[in-house]
Amino acid sequence: IGIPIGTFADPAYPAPVRSVWEETKHG
């Protein structure tokens, strides 16, 4: 089950370990 990290309201939450669908990433 996935939890959007913004719902933790914790700026110290760890960063992503991977980035997917970068072909549609904003430049």
mmCIF file of all heavy atoms, coordinates in Angstrom:
data_MODEL
# 
_entry.id   MODEL 
# 
loop_
_atom_site.group_PDB 
_atom_site.id 
_atom_site.type_symbol 
_atom_site.label_atom_id 
_atom_site.label_alt_id 
_atom_site.label_comp_id 
_atom_site.label_asym_id 
_atom_site.label_entity_id 
_atom_site.label_seq_id 
_atom_site.pdbx_PDB_ins_code 
_atom_site.Cartn_x 
_atom_site.Cartn_y 
_atom_site.Cartn_z 
_atom_site.occupancy 
_atom_site.B_iso_or_equiv 
_atom_site.pdbx_formal_charge 
_atom_site.auth_seq_id 
_atom_site.auth_comp_id 
_atom_site.auth_asym_id 
_atom_site.auth_atom_id 
_atom_site.pdbx_PDB_model_num 
ATOM 1   N N   . ILE A 1 1  ? 0.872  -1.176 0.000   1.00 0.00 ? 1  ILE A N   1 
ATOM 2   C CA  . ILE A 1 1  ? 0.000  0.000  0.000   1.00 0.00 ? 1  ILE A CA  1 
ATOM 3   C C   . ILE A 1 1  ? 0.909  1.225  0.000   1.00 0.00 ? 1  ILE A C   1 
ATOM 4   O O   . ILE A 1 1  ? 1.933  1.252  0.675   1.00 0.00 ? 1  ILE A O   1 
ATOM 5   C CB  . ILE A 1 1  ? -0.963 -0.021 1.201   1.00 0.00 ? 1  ILE A CB  1 
ATOM 6   C CG1 . ILE A 1 1  ? -1.969 1.120  1.124   1.00 0.00 ? 1  ILE A CG1 1 
ATOM 7   C CG2 . ILE A 1 1  ? -0.229 -0.004 2.521   1.00 0.00 ? 1  ILE A CG2 1 
ATOM 8   C CD1 . ILE A 1 1  ? -3.145 0.947  2.060   1.00 0.00 ? 1  ILE A CD1 1 
ATOM 9   N N   . GLY A 1 2  ? 0.552  2.193  -0.824  1.00 0.00 ? 2  GLY A N   1 
ATOM 10  C CA  . GLY A 1 2  ? 1.356  3.401  -0.944  1.00 0.00 ? 2  GLY A CA  1 
ATOM 11  C C   . GLY A 1 2  ? 0.730  4.561  -0.206  1.00 0.00 ? 2  GLY A C   1 
ATOM 12  O O   . GLY A 1 2  ? -0.494 4.720  -0.207  1.00 0.00 ? 2  GLY A O   1 
ATOM 13  N N   . ILE A 1 3  ? 1.572  5.375  0.397   1.00 0.00 ? 3  ILE A N   1 
ATOM 14  C CA  . ILE A 1 3  ? 1.139  6.557  1.139   1.00 0.00 ? 3  ILE A CA  1 
ATOM 15  C C   . ILE A 1 3  ? 1.849  7.776  0.534   1.00 0.00 ? 3  ILE A C   1 
ATOM 16  O O   . ILE A 1 3  ? 3.084  7.836  0.546   1.00 0.00 ? 3  ILE A O   1 
ATOM 17  C CB  . ILE A 1 3  ? 1.494  6.441  2.645   1.00 0.00 ? 3  ILE A CB  1 
ATOM 18  C CG1 . ILE A 1 3  ? 1.007  5.125  3.249   1.00 0.00 ? 3  ILE A CG1 1 
ATOM 19  C CG2 . ILE A 1 3  ? 0.972  7.656  3.404   1.00 0.00 ? 3  ILE A CG2 1 
ATOM 20  C CD1 . ILE A 1 3  ? -0.488 4.926  3.270   1.00 0.00 ? 3  ILE A CD1 1 
ATOM 21  N N   . PRO A 1 4  ? 1.097  8.742  -0.009  1.00 0.00 ? 4  PRO A N   1 
ATOM 22  C CA  . PRO A 1 4  ? 1.753  9.958  -0.516  1.00 0.00 ? 4  PRO A CA  1 
ATOM 23  C C   . PRO A 1 4  ? 2.509  10.662 0.623   1.00 0.00 ? 4  PRO A C   1 
ATOM 24  O O   . PRO A 1 4  ? 1.952  10.882 1.705   1.00 0.00 ? 4  PRO A O   1 
ATOM 25  C CB  . PRO A 1 4  ? 0.579  10.814 -1.013  1.00 0.00 ? 4  PRO A CB  1 
ATOM 26  C CG  . PRO A 1 4  ? -0.512 9.821  -1.295  1.00 0.00 ? 4  PRO A CG  1 
ATOM 27  C CD  . PRO A 1 4  ? -0.345 8.753  -0.252  1.00 0.00 ? 4  PRO A CD  1 
ATOM 28  N N   . ILE A 1 5  ? 3.771  10.984 0.381   1.00 0.00 ? 5  ILE A N   1 
ATOM 29  C CA  . ILE A 1 5  ? 4.596  11.462 1.494   1.00 0.00 ? 5  ILE A CA  1 
ATOM 30  C C   . ILE A 1 5  ? 4.175  12.825 2.020   1.00 0.00 ? 5  ILE A C   1 
ATOM 31  O O   . ILE A 1 5  ? 4.457  13.152 3.162   1.00 0.00 ? 5  ILE A O   1 
ATOM 32  C CB  . ILE A 1 5  ? 6.110  11.414 1.196   1.00 0.00 ? 5  ILE A CB  1 
ATOM 33  C CG1 . ILE A 1 5  ? 6.506  12.424 0.150   1.00 0.00 ? 5  ILE A CG1 1 
ATOM 34  C CG2 . ILE A 1 5  ? 6.535  10.018 0.824   1.00 0.00 ? 5  ILE A CG2 1 
ATOM 35  C CD1 . ILE A 1 5  ? 8.011  12.634 0.080   1.00 0.00 ? 5  ILE A CD1 1 
ATOM 36  N N   . GLY A 1 6  ? 3.467  13.618 1.236   1.00 0.00 ? 6  GLY A N   1 
ATOM 37  C CA  . GLY A 1 6  ? 2.978  14.899 1.737   1.00 0.00 ? 6  GLY A CA  1 
ATOM 38  C C   . GLY A 1 6  ? 1.997  14.751 2.883   1.00 0.00 ? 6  GLY A C   1 
ATOM 39  O O   . GLY A 1 6  ? 1.835  15.664 3.690   1.00 0.00 ? 6  GLY A O   1 
ATOM 40  N N   . THR A 1 7  ? 1.343  13.581 2.995   1.00 0.00 ? 7  THR A N   1 
ATOM 41  C CA  . THR A 1 7  ? 0.375  13.372 4.067   1.00 0.00 ? 7  THR A CA  1 
ATOM 42  C C   . THR A 1 7  ? 1.052  13.192 5.429   1.00 0.00 ? 7  THR A C   1 
ATOM 43  O O   . THR A 1 7  ? 0.376  13.232 6.452   1.00 0.00 ? 7  THR A O   1 
ATOM 44  C CB  . THR A 1 7  ? -0.541 12.163 3.779   1.00 0.00 ? 7  THR A CB  1 
ATOM 45  O OG1 . THR A 1 7  ? 0.255  10.996 3.622   1.00 0.00 ? 7  THR A OG1 1 
ATOM 46  C CG2 . THR A 1 7  ? -1.383 12.406 2.536   1.00 0.00 ? 7  THR A CG2 1 
ATOM 47  N N   . PHE A 1 8  ? 2.368  12.997 5.438   1.00 0.00 ? 8  PHE A N   1 
ATOM 48  C CA  . PHE A 1 8  ? 3.103  12.940 6.703   1.00 0.00 ? 8  PHE A CA  1 
ATOM 49  C C   . PHE A 1 8  ? 3.388  14.336 7.249   1.00 0.00 ? 8  PHE A C   1 
ATOM 50  O O   . PHE A 1 8  ? 3.663  14.492 8.434   1.00 0.00 ? 8  PHE A O   1 
ATOM 51  C CB  . PHE A 1 8  ? 4.426  12.190 6.539   1.00 0.00 ? 8  PHE A CB  1 
ATOM 52  C CG  . PHE A 1 8  ? 4.255  10.738 6.233   1.00 0.00 ? 8  PHE A CG  1 
ATOM 53  C CD1 . PHE A 1 8  ? 4.596  10.240 4.984   1.00 0.00 ? 8  PHE A CD1 1 
ATOM 54  C CD2 . PHE A 1 8  ? 3.755  9.863  7.177   1.00 0.00 ? 8  PHE A CD2 1 
ATOM 55  C CE1 . PHE A 1 8  ? 4.444  8.895  4.686   1.00 0.00 ? 8  PHE A CE1 1 
ATOM 56  C CE2 . PHE A 1 8  ? 3.595  8.511  6.891   1.00 0.00 ? 8  PHE A CE2 1 
ATOM 57  C CZ  . PHE A 1 8  ? 3.938  8.034  5.637   1.00 0.00 ? 8  PHE A CZ  1 
ATOM 58  N N   . ALA A 1 9  ? 3.352  15.350 6.376   1.00 0.00 ? 9  ALA A N   1 
ATOM 59  C CA  . ALA A 1 9  ? 3.664  16.727 6.764   1.00 0.00 ? 9  ALA A CA  1 
ATOM 60  C C   . ALA A 1 9  ? 4.983  16.774 7.540   1.00 0.00 ? 9  ALA A C   1 
ATOM 61  O O   . ALA A 1 9  ? 5.101  17.393 8.590   1.00 0.00 ? 9  ALA A O   1 
ATOM 62  C CB  . ALA A 1 9  ? 2.520  17.345 7.577   1.00 0.00 ? 9  ALA A CB  1 
ATOM 63  N N   . ASP A 1 10 ? 5.986  16.083 6.991   1.00 0.00 ? 10 ASP A N   1 
ATOM 64  C CA  . ASP A 1 10 ? 7.288  15.973 7.646   1.00 0.00 ? 10 ASP A CA  1 
ATOM 65  C C   . ASP A 1 10 ? 8.387  16.272 6.631   1.00 0.00 ? 10 ASP A C   1 
ATOM 66  O O   . ASP A 1 10 ? 8.728  15.412 5.815   1.00 0.00 ? 10 ASP A O   1 
ATOM 67  C CB  . ASP A 1 10 ? 7.460  14.561 8.212   1.00 0.00 ? 10 ASP A CB  1 
ATOM 68  C CG  . ASP A 1 10 ? 8.799  14.354 8.901   1.00 0.00 ? 10 ASP A CG  1 
ATOM 69  O OD1 . ASP A 1 10 ? 9.609  15.297 8.979   1.00 0.00 ? 10 ASP A OD1 1 
ATOM 70  O OD2 . ASP A 1 10 ? 9.035  13.220 9.365   1.00 0.00 ? 10 ASP A OD2 1 
ATOM 71  N N   . PRO A 1 11 ? 8.956  17.478 6.645   1.00 0.00 ? 11 PRO A N   1 
ATOM 72  C CA  . PRO A 1 11 ? 10.014 17.811 5.694   1.00 0.00 ? 11 PRO A CA  1 
ATOM 73  C C   . PRO A 1 11 ? 11.249 16.929 5.808   1.00 0.00 ? 11 PRO A C   1 
ATOM 74  O O   . PRO A 1 11 ? 12.067 16.885 4.891   1.00 0.00 ? 11 PRO A O   1 
ATOM 75  C CB  . PRO A 1 11 ? 10.362 19.263 6.029   1.00 0.00 ? 11 PRO A CB  1 
ATOM 76  C CG  . PRO A 1 11 ? 9.237  19.782 6.843   1.00 0.00 ? 11 PRO A CG  1 
ATOM 77  C CD  . PRO A 1 11 ? 8.603  18.593 7.510   1.00 0.00 ? 11 PRO A CD  1 
ATOM 78  N N   . ALA A 1 12 ? 11.395 16.202 6.909   1.00 0.00 ? 12 ALA A N   1 
ATOM 79  C CA  . ALA A 1 12 ? 12.552 15.324 7.089   1.00 0.00 ? 12 ALA A CA  1 
ATOM 80  C C   . ALA A 1 12 ? 12.298 13.912 6.547   1.00 0.00 ? 12 ALA A C   1 
ATOM 81  O O   . ALA A 1 12 ? 13.181 13.057 6.653   1.00 0.00 ? 12 ALA A O   1 
ATOM 82  C CB  . ALA A 1 12 ? 12.920 15.247 8.571   1.00 0.00 ? 12 ALA A CB  1 
ATOM 83  N N   . TYR A 1 13 ? 11.112 13.657 5.984   1.00 0.00 ? 13 TYR A N   1 
ATOM 84  C CA  . TYR A 1 13 ? 10.839 12.322 5.446   1.00 0.00 ? 13 TYR A CA  1 
ATOM 85  C C   . TYR A 1 13 ? 11.878 12.012 4.358   1.00 0.00 ? 13 TYR A C   1 
ATOM 86  O O   . TYR A 1 13 ? 12.267 12.895 3.602   1.00 0.00 ? 13 TYR A O   1 
ATOM 87  C CB  . TYR A 1 13 ? 9.413  12.244 4.867   1.00 0.00 ? 13 TYR A CB  1 
ATOM 88  C CG  . TYR A 1 13 ? 8.961  10.824 4.685   1.00 0.00 ? 13 TYR A CG  1 
ATOM 89  C CD1 . TYR A 1 13 ? 8.349  10.139 5.721   1.00 0.00 ? 13 TYR A CD1 1 
ATOM 90  C CD2 . TYR A 1 13 ? 9.197  10.145 3.497   1.00 0.00 ? 13 TYR A CD2 1 
ATOM 91  C CE1 . TYR A 1 13 ? 7.965  8.813  5.580   1.00 0.00 ? 13 TYR A CE1 1 
ATOM 92  C CE2 . TYR A 1 13 ? 8.819  8.827  3.347   1.00 0.00 ? 13 TYR A CE2 1 
ATOM 93  C CZ  . TYR A 1 13 ? 8.197  8.164  4.389   1.00 0.00 ? 13 TYR A CZ  1 
ATOM 94  O OH  . TYR A 1 13 ? 7.838  6.854  4.238   1.00 0.00 ? 13 TYR A OH  1 
ATOM 95  N N   . PRO A 1 14 ? 12.350 10.764 4.274   1.00 0.00 ? 14 PRO A N   1 
ATOM 96  C CA  . PRO A 1 14 ? 13.399 10.431 3.303   1.00 0.00 ? 14 PRO A CA  1 
ATOM 97  C C   . PRO A 1 14 ? 13.015 10.725 1.841   1.00 0.00 ? 14 PRO A C   1 
ATOM 98  O O   . PRO A 1 14 ? 11.844 10.713 1.488   1.00 0.00 ? 14 PRO A O   1 
ATOM 99  C CB  . PRO A 1 14 ? 13.592 8.925  3.508   1.00 0.00 ? 14 PRO A CB  1 
ATOM 100 C CG  . PRO A 1 14 ? 13.089 8.648  4.886   1.00 0.00 ? 14 PRO A CG  1 
ATOM 101 C CD  . PRO A 1 14 ? 11.985 9.636  5.123   1.00 0.00 ? 14 PRO A CD  1 
ATOM 102 N N   . ALA A 1 15 ? 14.020 10.950 1.041   1.00 0.00 ? 15 ALA A N   1 
ATOM 103 C CA  . ALA A 1 15 ? 13.852 11.250 -0.385  1.00 0.00 ? 15 ALA A CA  1 
ATOM 104 C C   . ALA A 1 15 ? 13.541 9.977  -1.175  1.00 0.00 ? 15 ALA A C   1 
ATOM 105 O O   . ALA A 1 15 ? 13.783 8.860  -0.705  1.00 0.00 ? 15 ALA A O   1 
ATOM 106 C CB  . ALA A 1 15 ? 15.142 11.878 -0.921  1.00 0.00 ? 15 ALA A CB  1 
ATOM 107 N N   . PRO A 1 16 ? 13.035 10.128 -2.396  1.00 0.00 ? 16 PRO A N   1 
ATOM 108 C CA  . PRO A 1 16 ? 12.774 8.961  -3.242  1.00 0.00 ? 16 PRO A CA  1 
ATOM 109 C C   . PRO A 1 16 ? 14.044 8.169  -3.550  1.00 0.00 ? 16 PRO A C   1 
ATOM 110 O O   . PRO A 1 16 ? 15.145 8.726  -3.592  1.00 0.00 ? 16 PRO A O   1 
ATOM 111 C CB  . PRO A 1 16 ? 12.218 9.561  -4.537  1.00 0.00 ? 16 PRO A CB  1 
ATOM 112 C CG  . PRO A 1 16 ? 11.753 10.924 -4.170  1.00 0.00 ? 16 PRO A CG  1 
ATOM 113 C CD  . PRO A 1 16 ? 12.627 11.371 -3.037  1.00 0.00 ? 16 PRO A CD  1 
ATOM 114 N N   . VAL A 1 17 ? 13.854 6.867  -3.760  1.00 0.00 ? 17 VAL A N   1 
ATOM 115 C CA  . VAL A 1 17 ? 14.960 5.997  -4.163  1.00 0.00 ? 17 VAL A CA  1 
ATOM 116 C C   . VAL A 1 17 ? 14.941 5.746  -5.669  1.00 0.00 ? 17 VAL A C   1 
ATOM 117 O O   . VAL A 1 17 ? 15.905 5.241  -6.226  1.00 0.00 ? 17 VAL A O   1 
ATOM 118 C CB  . VAL A 1 17 ? 14.940 4.646  -3.409  1.00 0.00 ? 17 VAL A CB  1 
ATOM 119 C CG1 . VAL A 1 17 ? 15.149 4.873  -1.913  1.00 0.00 ? 17 VAL A CG1 1 
ATOM 120 C CG2 . VAL A 1 17 ? 13.676 3.864  -3.678  1.00 0.00 ? 17 VAL A CG2 1 
ATOM 121 N N   . ARG A 1 18 ? 13.820 6.092  -6.320  1.00 0.00 ? 18 ARG A N   1 
ATOM 122 C CA  . ARG A 1 18 ? 13.743 5.984  -7.775  1.00 0.00 ? 18 ARG A CA  1 
ATOM 123 C C   . ARG A 1 18 ? 12.734 6.985  -8.318  1.00 0.00 ? 18 ARG A C   1 
ATOM 124 O O   . ARG A 1 18 ? 11.842 7.434  -7.613  1.00 0.00 ? 18 ARG A O   1 
ATOM 125 C CB  . ARG A 1 18 ? 13.447 4.569  -8.223  1.00 0.00 ? 18 ARG A CB  1 
ATOM 126 C CG  . ARG A 1 18 ? 12.073 4.067  -8.051  1.00 0.00 ? 18 ARG A CG  1 
ATOM 127 C CD  . ARG A 1 18 ? 11.955 2.616  -8.576  1.00 0.00 ? 18 ARG A CD  1 
ATOM 128 N NE  . ARG A 1 18 ? 11.142 1.816  -7.714  1.00 0.00 ? 18 ARG A NE  1 
ATOM 129 C CZ  . ARG A 1 18 ? 11.541 1.140  -6.662  1.00 0.00 ? 18 ARG A CZ  1 
ATOM 130 N NH1 . ARG A 1 18 ? 12.805 1.151  -6.312  1.00 0.00 ? 18 ARG A NH1 1 
ATOM 131 N NH2 . ARG A 1 18 ? 10.705 0.449  -5.939  1.00 0.00 ? 18 ARG A NH2 1 
ATOM 132 N N   . SER A 1 19 ? 12.913 7.296  -9.592  1.00 0.00 ? 19 SER A N   1 
ATOM 133 C CA  . SER A 1 19 ? 12.063 8.229  -10.315 1.00 0.00 ? 19 SER A CA  1 
ATOM 134 C C   . SER A 1 19 ? 11.581 7.529  -11.581 1.00 0.00 ? 19 SER A C   1 
ATOM 135 O O   . SER A 1 19 ? 12.401 7.047  -12.370 1.00 0.00 ? 19 SER A O   1 
ATOM 136 C CB  . SER A 1 19 ? 12.862 9.490  -10.655 1.00 0.00 ? 19 SER A CB  1 
ATOM 137 O OG  . SER A 1 19 ? 12.107 10.401 -11.410 1.00 0.00 ? 19 SER A OG  1 
ATOM 138 N N   . VAL A 1 20 ? 10.257 7.459  -11.763 1.00 0.00 ? 20 VAL A N   1 
ATOM 139 C CA  . VAL A 1 20 ? 9.689  6.744  -12.908 1.00 0.00 ? 20 VAL A CA  1 
ATOM 140 C C   . VAL A 1 20 ? 8.869  7.687  -13.784 1.00 0.00 ? 20 VAL A C   1 
ATOM 141 O O   . VAL A 1 20 ? 8.479  8.760  -13.366 1.00 0.00 ? 20 VAL A O   1 
ATOM 142 C CB  . VAL A 1 20 ? 8.828  5.539  -12.448 1.00 0.00 ? 20 VAL A CB  1 
ATOM 143 C CG1 . VAL A 1 20 ? 9.687  4.527  -11.684 1.00 0.00 ? 20 VAL A CG1 1 
ATOM 144 C CG2 . VAL A 1 20 ? 7.643  5.982  -11.605 1.00 0.00 ? 20 VAL A CG2 1 
ATOM 145 N N   . TRP A 1 21 ? 8.647  7.274  -15.012 1.00 0.00 ? 21 TRP A N   1 
ATOM 146 C CA  . TRP A 1 21 ? 7.902  8.026  -16.024 1.00 0.00 ? 21 TRP A CA  1 
ATOM 147 C C   . TRP A 1 21 ? 8.535  9.390  -16.281 1.00 0.00 ? 21 TRP A C   1 
ATOM 148 O O   . TRP A 1 21 ? 7.866  10.393 -16.470 1.00 0.00 ? 21 TRP A O   1 
ATOM 149 C CB  . TRP A 1 21 ? 6.415  8.127  -15.674 1.00 0.00 ? 21 TRP A CB  1 
ATOM 150 C CG  . TRP A 1 21 ? 5.745  6.812  -15.916 1.00 0.00 ? 21 TRP A CG  1 
ATOM 151 C CD1 . TRP A 1 21 ? 5.495  5.845  -14.983 1.00 0.00 ? 21 TRP A CD1 1 
ATOM 152 C CD2 . TRP A 1 21 ? 5.319  6.297  -17.168 1.00 0.00 ? 21 TRP A CD2 1 
ATOM 153 N NE1 . TRP A 1 21 ? 4.936  4.746  -15.591 1.00 0.00 ? 21 TRP A NE1 1 
ATOM 154 C CE2 . TRP A 1 21 ? 4.812  5.003  -16.941 1.00 0.00 ? 21 TRP A CE2 1 
ATOM 155 C CE3 . TRP A 1 21 ? 5.333  6.795  -18.468 1.00 0.00 ? 21 TRP A CE3 1 
ATOM 156 C CZ2 . TRP A 1 21 ? 4.305  4.202  -17.949 1.00 0.00 ? 21 TRP A CZ2 1 
ATOM 157 C CZ3 . TRP A 1 21 ? 4.824  6.004  -19.486 1.00 0.00 ? 21 TRP A CZ3 1 
ATOM 158 C CH2 . TRP A 1 21 ? 4.319  4.722  -19.221 1.00 0.00 ? 21 TRP A CH2 1 
ATOM 159 N N   . GLU A 1 22 ? 9.868  9.388  -16.366 1.00 0.00 ? 22 GLU A N   1 
ATOM 160 C CA  . GLU A 1 22 ? 10.573 10.645 -16.623 1.00 0.00 ? 22 GLU A CA  1 
ATOM 161 C C   . GLU A 1 22 ? 10.370 11.167 -18.038 1.00 0.00 ? 22 GLU A C   1 
ATOM 162 O O   . GLU A 1 22 ? 10.638 12.339 -18.293 1.00 0.00 ? 22 GLU A O   1 
ATOM 163 C CB  . GLU A 1 22 ? 12.056 10.497 -16.287 1.00 0.00 ? 22 GLU A CB  1 
ATOM 164 C CG  . GLU A 1 22 ? 12.281 10.399 -14.788 1.00 0.00 ? 22 GLU A CG  1 
ATOM 165 C CD  . GLU A 1 22 ? 13.736 10.531 -14.387 1.00 0.00 ? 22 GLU A CD  1 
ATOM 166 O OE1 . GLU A 1 22 ? 14.644 10.394 -15.239 1.00 0.00 ? 22 GLU A OE1 1 
ATOM 167 O OE2 . GLU A 1 22 ? 13.974 10.787 -13.185 1.00 0.00 ? 22 GLU A OE2 1 
ATOM 168 N N   . GLU A 1 23 ? 9.833  10.343 -18.933 1.00 0.00 ? 23 GLU A N   1 
ATOM 169 C CA  . GLU A 1 23 ? 9.558  10.846 -20.284 1.00 0.00 ? 23 GLU A CA  1 
ATOM 170 C C   . GLU A 1 23 ? 8.441  11.901 -20.269 1.00 0.00 ? 23 GLU A C   1 
ATOM 171 O O   . GLU A 1 23 ? 8.327  12.670 -21.217 1.00 0.00 ? 23 GLU A O   1 
ATOM 172 C CB  . GLU A 1 23 ? 9.241  9.718  -21.257 1.00 0.00 ? 23 GLU A CB  1 
ATOM 173 C CG  . GLU A 1 23 ? 7.911  9.045  -21.062 1.00 0.00 ? 23 GLU A CG  1 
ATOM 174 C CD  . GLU A 1 23 ? 7.661  7.926  -22.074 1.00 0.00 ? 23 GLU A CD  1 
ATOM 175 O OE1 . GLU A 1 23 ? 8.619  7.407  -22.662 1.00 0.00 ? 23 GLU A OE1 1 
ATOM 176 O OE2 . GLU A 1 23 ? 6.498  7.593  -22.272 1.00 0.00 ? 23 GLU A OE2 1 
ATOM 177 N N   . THR A 1 24 ? 7.630  11.966 -19.202 1.00 0.00 ? 24 THR A N   1 
ATOM 178 C CA  . THR A 1 24 ? 6.604  13.005 -19.075 1.00 0.00 ? 24 THR A CA  1 
ATOM 179 C C   . THR A 1 24 ? 6.907  13.954 -17.911 1.00 0.00 ? 24 THR A C   1 
ATOM 180 O O   . THR A 1 24 ? 6.032  14.690 -17.467 1.00 0.00 ? 24 THR A O   1 
ATOM 181 C CB  . THR A 1 24 ? 5.200  12.378 -18.923 1.00 0.00 ? 24 THR A CB  1 
ATOM 182 O OG1 . THR A 1 24 ? 5.214  11.379 -17.907 1.00 0.00 ? 24 THR A OG1 1 
ATOM 183 C CG2 . THR A 1 24 ? 4.738  11.763 -20.233 1.00 0.00 ? 24 THR A CG2 1 
ATOM 184 N N   . LYS A 1 25 ? 8.144  13.955 -17.451 1.00 0.00 ? 25 LYS A N   1 
ATOM 185 C CA  . LYS A 1 25 ? 8.584  14.853 -16.375 1.00 0.00 ? 25 LYS A CA  1 
ATOM 186 C C   . LYS A 1 25 ? 8.634  16.285 -16.912 1.00 0.00 ? 25 LYS A C   1 
ATOM 187 O O   . LYS A 1 25 ? 9.051  16.525 -18.042 1.00 0.00 ? 25 LYS A O   1 
ATOM 188 C CB  . LYS A 1 25 ? 9.972  14.412 -15.889 1.00 0.00 ? 25 LYS A CB  1 
ATOM 189 C CG  . LYS A 1 25 ? 10.593 15.289 -14.836 1.00 0.00 ? 25 LYS A CG  1 
ATOM 190 C CD  . LYS A 1 25 ? 11.879 14.697 -14.284 1.00 0.00 ? 25 LYS A CD  1 
ATOM 191 C CE  . LYS A 1 25 ? 13.028 14.711 -15.231 1.00 0.00 ? 25 LYS A CE  1 
ATOM 192 N NZ  . LYS A 1 25 ? 13.622 16.005 -15.494 1.00 0.00 ? 25 LYS A NZ  1 
ATOM 193 N N   . HIS A 1 26 ? 8.205  17.237 -16.107 1.00 0.00 ? 26 HIS A N   1 
ATOM 194 C CA  . HIS A 1 26 ? 8.330  18.648 -16.478 1.00 0.00 ? 26 HIS A CA  1 
ATOM 195 C C   . HIS A 1 26 ? 9.807  18.987 -16.610 1.00 0.00 ? 26 HIS A C   1 
ATOM 196 O O   . HIS A 1 26 ? 10.622 18.571 -15.776 1.00 0.00 ? 26 HIS A O   1 
ATOM 197 C CB  . HIS A 1 26 ? 7.686  19.528 -15.409 1.00 0.00 ? 26 HIS A CB  1 
ATOM 198 C CG  . HIS A 1 26 ? 6.191  19.457 -15.407 1.00 0.00 ? 26 HIS A CG  1 
ATOM 199 N ND1 . HIS A 1 26 ? 5.394  20.566 -15.482 1.00 0.00 ? 26 HIS A ND1 1 
ATOM 200 C CD2 . HIS A 1 26 ? 5.342  18.406 -15.346 1.00 0.00 ? 26 HIS A CD2 1 
ATOM 201 C CE1 . HIS A 1 26 ? 4.132  20.209 -15.469 1.00 0.00 ? 26 HIS A CE1 1 
ATOM 202 N NE2 . HIS A 1 26 ? 4.065  18.906 -15.372 1.00 0.00 ? 26 HIS A NE2 1 
ATOM 203 N N   . GLY A 1 27 ? 10.152 19.753 -17.641 1.00 0.00 ? 27 GLY A N   1 
ATOM 204 C CA  . GLY A 1 27 ? 11.545 20.061 -17.934 1.00 0.00 ? 27 GLY A CA  1 
ATOM 205 C C   . GLY A 1 27 ? 12.276 20.786 -16.827 1.00 0.00 ? 27 GLY A C   1 
ATOM 206 O O   . GLY A 1 27 ? 13.492 20.669 -16.698 1.00 0.00 ? 27 GLY A O   1 
# 
